[in-house]
């Protein structure tokens, strides 16, 4: 059933952030606390932060541990002088972060935008540590700008021209002032926009915003990112891990046609149509997303499987 964008959306972040020193800088993150069971990691993209998940994490039911880092250079995480903020840099930081906060536990990944590319790559390389995947408006390679989602091509192609792109993103701050507010259905409040602007008030702080559009895998370029994306998409289509896939219309990176294609190819996947949306679906449908995650997570949790096996043992039958 299609849903309309929600109204009771809070602008407040209901968590204190923690800080972890990672590879010469600091990564800020939300952590709801330790749990003997599995953990769920929420990964954002460009130009957001863990603030994007503020109306979802508090409403996901259960006793799991919920963690949402700010990618390096975003939110309250550190800016690193001389760092190019390439996808490879974010990969190294996420590897170190997850090894520190979840050295042995299995995790469910909730992925969006560039958080999906970095998260898919990590999951492909650490499949034994992944319990499930939640996907929404994720990054996928395109063979050319002509086959890329039209809205993305129209907006992002100029960003790949070095002089024009830097002027637009670094000097004019269009990613925050135009791309971001144009990617919601509802208008954001001034408080919400202030929080999204806060990490990038100084033009020098906007290098991470500029880098990501130049990393989008289009026509095999950049070659290292395109190779990574091809690998994780091939892995994603054959992986039997439980998946929860949200989609909207018209969408940003994933429109209706792409969503239908994905629903045919993804294995072991529950698909949920949220209704009207562009790219940052968390700002239009947070309660619906949290409700679906709440219903889906227990289906493969350690606690649920333990209950199944206890029931099976009680029956003393080999029916499962």
Foldseek 3Di string as FASTA:
>chain_A
DADFFDDPDDLDQPFDWDWDDFPNWIKIKGKPDDDPWAAEEEEDAPPAFCSLQRLQVVLQDDDHIYMTIGQALHQPIHDDPPDQLALVVSLRRVVRVCCVPPVDAAYEYEAAESSQLSVLLVCVVPVVRYQEYEDEHYAAAEQALVRFPVVCSVPLVLLLPPVSVLCVCLVVVCCLVPVVQVFWPDGDDPSNSCSSCVSCVHSVSRSNNSNVSQLRHYNCPPVVSNVSRVVSVVVQLPDQRAYEYEYEPCEARAGPVNVVVVVVRGHNYDYDYHYHGYGSCSNGDSNVVSVVCNVPVLVRIPVNVVVVVVVCVVVVDPPD
